[in-house]
């Protein structure tokens, strides 16, 4: 499989902190090159069977991935629900896009 790495994503690391006695979170981001791929039919339906959704897969260089659990792409936040390393130098990040919640 040929990877073009022509997209950029921001890997997001969430660190819980205490500020003035209140629990908060610090978000740090790193921009890396990625190859955007569609989820396969099998992945899509397997996720739906356990009430999950797979929206996209990003392939990144192994050296760029440090265990982050979410990423940002084109202004949308994605949860990384699964990682898979098909080779020594590549990691596939299987992602679910967060849906906006109603403010009711």
N, C-alpha and C. Protein backbone atom coordinates (compact mmCIF):
# COMPACT_ATOMS: atom_id res chain seq x y z
N UNK A 1 0.83 -1.16 0.00
CA UNK A 1 0.00 0.00 0.00
C UNK A 1 0.89 1.24 0.00
N UNK A 2 0.60 2.16 -0.89
CA UNK A 2 1.38 3.37 -1.03
C UNK A 2 0.78 4.47 -0.15
N UNK A 3 1.58 5.04 0.71
CA UNK A 3 1.14 6.13 1.57
C UNK A 3 1.73 7.44 1.04
N UNK A 4 0.87 8.44 0.86
CA UNK A 4 1.31 9.71 0.30
C UNK A 4 1.66 10.74 1.37
N UNK A 5 1.07 10.61 2.55
CA UNK A 5 1.30 11.56 3.64
C UNK A 5 1.15 13.00 3.16
N UNK A 6 -0.01 13.29 2.55
CA UNK A 6 -0.26 14.62 2.02
C UNK A 6 -1.27 15.41 2.84
N UNK A 7 -1.64 14.90 4.01
CA UNK A 7 -2.51 15.61 4.94
C UNK A 7 -1.75 15.85 6.24
N UNK A 8 -2.18 16.84 6.98
CA UNK A 8 -1.62 17.03 8.32
C UNK A 8 -2.74 16.86 9.34
N UNK A 9 -2.38 16.27 10.47
CA UNK A 9 -3.29 16.13 11.61
C UNK A 9 -2.58 16.67 12.83
N UNK A 10 -3.35 16.99 13.84
CA UNK A 10 -2.78 17.42 15.11
C UNK A 10 -3.08 16.34 16.13
N UNK A 11 -2.04 15.66 16.59
CA UNK A 11 -2.20 14.68 17.66
C UNK A 11 -2.35 15.46 18.95
N UNK A 12 -3.36 15.07 19.76
CA UNK A 12 -3.69 15.81 20.98
C UNK A 12 -3.44 14.96 22.21
N UNK A 13 -2.68 15.52 23.14
CA UNK A 13 -2.41 14.85 24.41
C UNK A 13 -3.15 15.63 25.50
N UNK A 14 -3.99 14.93 26.27
CA UNK A 14 -4.75 15.54 27.34
C UNK A 14 -4.07 15.20 28.67
N UNK A 15 -3.73 16.23 29.44
CA UNK A 15 -3.08 16.03 30.73
C UNK A 15 -3.96 16.64 31.81
N UNK A 16 -4.45 15.81 32.75
CA UNK A 16 -5.24 16.37 33.85
C UNK A 16 -4.34 17.20 34.78
N UNK A 17 -4.84 18.37 35.18
CA UNK A 17 -4.09 19.24 36.08
C UNK A 17 -5.03 19.79 37.14
N UNK A 18 -4.45 20.35 38.18
CA UNK A 18 -5.21 21.04 39.22
C UNK A 18 -4.83 22.51 39.17
N UNK A 19 -5.82 23.38 38.96
CA UNK A 19 -5.58 24.81 38.90
C UNK A 19 -6.46 25.49 39.94
N UNK A 20 -5.85 26.19 40.87
CA UNK A 20 -6.58 26.86 41.96
C UNK A 20 -7.53 25.92 42.67
N UNK A 21 -7.12 24.68 42.84
CA UNK A 21 -7.93 23.69 43.54
C UNK A 21 -8.99 23.02 42.69
N UNK A 22 -9.09 23.34 41.41
CA UNK A 22 -10.09 22.75 40.52
C UNK A 22 -9.42 21.85 39.49
N UNK A 23 -10.06 20.74 39.21
CA UNK A 23 -9.55 19.83 38.20
C UNK A 23 -9.78 20.43 36.81
N UNK A 24 -8.71 20.51 36.04
CA UNK A 24 -8.79 21.01 34.66
C UNK A 24 -7.98 20.08 33.77
N UNK A 25 -7.94 20.42 32.51
CA UNK A 25 -7.15 19.64 31.56
C UNK A 25 -6.27 20.57 30.75
N UNK A 26 -5.08 20.12 30.47
CA UNK A 26 -4.19 20.83 29.57
C UNK A 26 -4.09 20.02 28.28
N UNK A 27 -4.31 20.68 27.16
CA UNK A 27 -4.25 20.01 25.87
C UNK A 27 -3.00 20.51 25.14
N UNK A 28 -2.14 19.57 24.77
CA UNK A 28 -0.98 19.92 23.95
C UNK A 28 -1.13 19.21 22.61
N UNK A 29 -0.73 19.89 21.55
CA UNK A 29 -0.89 19.32 20.21
C UNK A 29 0.45 19.32 19.48
N UNK A 30 0.57 18.35 18.57
CA UNK A 30 1.73 18.25 17.67
C UNK A 30 1.19 17.99 16.28
N UNK A 31 1.65 18.74 15.32
CA UNK A 31 1.21 18.54 13.94
C UNK A 31 2.14 17.54 13.25
N UNK A 32 1.55 16.53 12.62
CA UNK A 32 2.32 15.51 11.91
C UNK A 32 1.68 15.26 10.55
N UNK A 33 2.47 14.69 9.64
CA UNK A 33 1.97 14.30 8.32
C UNK A 33 1.25 12.96 8.43
N UNK A 34 0.18 12.81 7.65
CA UNK A 34 -0.61 11.59 7.70
C UNK A 34 -1.20 11.28 6.33
N UNK A 35 -1.58 10.04 6.17
CA UNK A 35 -2.29 9.59 4.97
C UNK A 35 -3.70 9.23 5.40
N UNK A 36 -4.70 9.95 4.88
CA UNK A 36 -6.10 9.71 5.23
C UNK A 36 -6.64 8.57 4.38
N UNK A 37 -7.30 7.60 5.04
CA UNK A 37 -7.88 6.46 4.35
C UNK A 37 -9.31 6.24 4.83
N UNK A 38 -10.10 5.64 3.99
CA UNK A 38 -11.47 5.29 4.36
C UNK A 38 -11.48 4.03 5.20
N UNK A 39 -12.44 3.94 6.09
CA UNK A 39 -12.63 2.71 6.86
C UNK A 39 -13.20 1.65 5.92
N UNK A 40 -12.79 0.42 6.13
CA UNK A 40 -13.32 -0.66 5.29
C UNK A 40 -14.74 -1.00 5.73
N UNK A 41 -15.45 -1.65 4.87
CA UNK A 41 -16.82 -2.09 5.17
C UNK A 41 -16.83 -2.96 6.42
N UNK A 42 -15.88 -3.86 6.52
CA UNK A 42 -15.81 -4.78 7.66
C UNK A 42 -15.60 -4.01 8.97
N UNK A 43 -14.68 -3.04 8.96
CA UNK A 43 -14.44 -2.24 10.16
C UNK A 43 -15.67 -1.44 10.55
N UNK A 44 -16.33 -0.88 9.55
CA UNK A 44 -17.52 -0.07 9.80
C UNK A 44 -18.62 -0.88 10.48
N UNK A 45 -18.94 -2.06 9.93
CA UNK A 45 -20.02 -2.86 10.49
C UNK A 45 -19.64 -3.53 11.81
N UNK A 46 -18.37 -3.88 11.98
CA UNK A 46 -17.93 -4.45 13.26
C UNK A 46 -18.06 -3.40 14.37
N UNK A 47 -17.74 -2.16 14.07
CA UNK A 47 -17.88 -1.09 15.06
C UNK A 47 -19.36 -0.83 15.36
N UNK A 48 -20.19 -0.84 14.34
CA UNK A 48 -21.63 -0.61 14.54
C UNK A 48 -22.24 -1.69 15.42
N UNK A 49 -21.72 -2.92 15.35
CA UNK A 49 -22.26 -4.03 16.15
C UNK A 49 -22.04 -3.80 17.64
N UNK A 50 -21.07 -2.99 18.02
CA UNK A 50 -20.82 -2.68 19.44
C UNK A 50 -21.12 -1.21 19.73
N UNK A 51 -22.02 -0.64 18.93
CA UNK A 51 -22.51 0.72 19.11
C UNK A 51 -21.39 1.77 19.02
N UNK A 52 -20.45 1.55 18.14
CA UNK A 52 -19.38 2.51 17.85
C UNK A 52 -19.50 2.90 16.38
N UNK A 53 -18.68 3.85 15.99
CA UNK A 53 -18.68 4.30 14.60
C UNK A 53 -17.23 4.54 14.19
N UNK A 54 -16.84 4.06 13.06
CA UNK A 54 -15.51 4.32 12.52
C UNK A 54 -15.68 5.25 11.33
N UNK A 55 -15.08 6.43 11.42
CA UNK A 55 -15.26 7.43 10.36
C UNK A 55 -14.08 7.51 9.39
N UNK A 56 -12.87 7.29 9.91
CA UNK A 56 -11.69 7.48 9.07
C UNK A 56 -10.49 6.78 9.71
N UNK A 57 -9.51 6.49 8.89
CA UNK A 57 -8.25 5.92 9.37
C UNK A 57 -7.13 6.84 8.87
N UNK A 58 -6.22 7.18 9.78
CA UNK A 58 -5.04 7.95 9.41
C UNK A 58 -3.82 7.07 9.61
N UNK A 59 -2.93 7.06 8.63
CA UNK A 59 -1.68 6.34 8.74
C UNK A 59 -0.59 7.38 8.99
N UNK A 60 0.21 7.16 10.05
CA UNK A 60 1.30 8.07 10.39
C UNK A 60 2.58 7.28 10.56
N UNK A 61 3.69 7.98 10.56
CA UNK A 61 4.97 7.34 10.84
C UNK A 61 5.00 6.92 12.31
N UNK A 62 5.53 5.75 12.58
CA UNK A 62 5.62 5.22 13.94
C UNK A 62 6.33 6.20 14.86
N UNK A 63 7.37 6.83 14.38
CA UNK A 63 8.15 7.75 15.20
C UNK A 63 7.33 8.98 15.62
N UNK A 64 6.26 9.30 14.88
CA UNK A 64 5.43 10.46 15.18
C UNK A 64 4.34 10.18 16.20
N UNK A 65 4.02 8.92 16.45
CA UNK A 65 2.90 8.59 17.33
C UNK A 65 3.40 8.20 18.72
N UNK A 66 2.87 8.88 19.75
CA UNK A 66 3.32 8.65 21.13
C UNK A 66 2.17 8.27 22.05
N UNK A 67 1.20 7.52 21.51
CA UNK A 67 0.11 7.03 22.35
C UNK A 67 -1.03 8.00 22.58
N UNK A 68 -1.10 9.07 21.81
CA UNK A 68 -2.20 10.01 21.97
C UNK A 68 -3.54 9.31 21.76
N UNK A 69 -4.58 9.82 22.43
CA UNK A 69 -5.90 9.20 22.35
C UNK A 69 -6.89 9.99 21.51
N UNK A 70 -6.47 11.15 21.01
CA UNK A 70 -7.34 11.91 20.12
C UNK A 70 -6.51 12.74 19.17
N UNK A 71 -7.18 13.22 18.10
CA UNK A 71 -6.51 14.05 17.11
C UNK A 71 -7.49 15.04 16.53
N UNK A 72 -6.94 16.04 15.86
CA UNK A 72 -7.75 17.06 15.19
C UNK A 72 -7.42 17.04 13.70
N UNK A 73 -8.48 17.09 12.89
CA UNK A 73 -8.30 17.13 11.44
C UNK A 73 -9.37 18.04 10.85
N UNK A 74 -8.97 19.04 10.11
CA UNK A 74 -9.89 20.00 9.49
C UNK A 74 -10.90 20.57 10.48
N UNK A 75 -10.46 20.86 11.69
CA UNK A 75 -11.32 21.48 12.69
C UNK A 75 -12.19 20.52 13.48
N UNK A 76 -12.21 19.24 13.12
CA UNK A 76 -12.98 18.24 13.84
C UNK A 76 -12.07 17.46 14.79
N UNK A 77 -12.62 17.06 15.93
CA UNK A 77 -11.89 16.26 16.89
C UNK A 77 -12.29 14.81 16.72
N UNK A 78 -11.31 13.92 16.71
CA UNK A 78 -11.54 12.49 16.55
C UNK A 78 -10.97 11.75 17.75
N UNK A 79 -11.70 10.76 18.24
CA UNK A 79 -11.16 9.84 19.23
C UNK A 79 -10.45 8.72 18.50
N UNK A 80 -9.27 8.37 18.93
CA UNK A 80 -8.54 7.24 18.35
C UNK A 80 -9.03 5.99 19.09
N UNK A 81 -9.81 5.16 18.39
CA UNK A 81 -10.43 4.01 19.05
C UNK A 81 -9.60 2.74 18.91
N UNK A 82 -8.64 2.75 17.98
CA UNK A 82 -7.81 1.56 17.78
C UNK A 82 -6.55 1.96 17.05
N UNK A 83 -5.44 1.33 17.41
CA UNK A 83 -4.20 1.51 16.66
C UNK A 83 -3.76 0.15 16.14
N UNK A 84 -3.09 0.18 15.01
CA UNK A 84 -2.59 -1.05 14.40
C UNK A 84 -1.29 -0.71 13.70
N UNK A 85 -0.27 -1.51 13.93
CA UNK A 85 1.03 -1.27 13.32
C UNK A 85 1.30 -2.34 12.26
N UNK A 86 0.98 -2.04 10.99
CA UNK A 86 1.16 -3.04 9.92
C UNK A 86 2.63 -3.25 9.53
N UNK A 87 3.49 -2.29 9.89
CA UNK A 87 4.92 -2.43 9.60
C UNK A 87 5.70 -1.66 10.66
N UNK A 88 7.01 -1.79 10.64
CA UNK A 88 7.83 -1.12 11.65
C UNK A 88 7.75 0.40 11.59
N UNK A 89 7.49 0.94 10.41
CA UNK A 89 7.53 2.39 10.27
C UNK A 89 6.16 3.06 10.10
N UNK A 90 5.07 2.31 10.23
CA UNK A 90 3.73 2.88 10.05
C UNK A 90 2.80 2.45 11.17
N UNK A 91 1.88 3.36 11.56
CA UNK A 91 0.82 3.06 12.52
C UNK A 91 -0.49 3.56 11.93
N UNK A 92 -1.50 2.71 11.96
CA UNK A 92 -2.85 3.09 11.53
C UNK A 92 -3.65 3.54 12.74
N UNK A 93 -4.25 4.72 12.67
CA UNK A 93 -5.07 5.25 13.74
C UNK A 93 -6.53 5.22 13.28
N UNK A 94 -7.30 4.30 13.83
CA UNK A 94 -8.71 4.15 13.48
C UNK A 94 -9.49 5.11 14.36
N UNK A 95 -10.28 6.00 13.73
CA UNK A 95 -10.86 7.12 14.46
C UNK A 95 -12.37 7.25 14.32
N UNK A 96 -12.96 7.80 15.38
CA UNK A 96 -14.38 8.12 15.42
C UNK A 96 -14.50 9.62 15.64
N UNK A 97 -15.22 10.29 14.74
CA UNK A 97 -15.39 11.74 14.87
C UNK A 97 -16.39 12.04 15.98
N UNK A 98 -16.05 13.00 16.82
CA UNK A 98 -16.97 13.41 17.89
C UNK A 98 -18.12 14.20 17.27
N UNK A 99 -19.30 13.89 17.70
CA UNK A 99 -20.48 14.63 17.24
C UNK A 99 -20.73 15.80 18.17
N UNK A 100 -21.23 16.89 17.61
CA UNK A 100 -21.58 18.05 18.44
C UNK A 100 -22.82 17.72 19.26
N UNK A 101 -22.79 18.08 20.52
CA UNK A 101 -23.94 17.83 21.40
C UNK A 101 -24.89 19.03 21.33
N UNK A 102 -26.19 18.74 21.45
CA UNK A 102 -27.17 19.81 21.50
C UNK A 102 -27.03 20.57 22.82
N UNK A 103 -27.25 21.85 22.79
CA UNK A 103 -27.14 22.67 24.00
C UNK A 103 -28.51 22.83 24.66
N UNK A 104 -29.22 21.75 24.83
CA UNK A 104 -30.55 21.80 25.46
C UNK A 104 -30.46 21.47 26.90
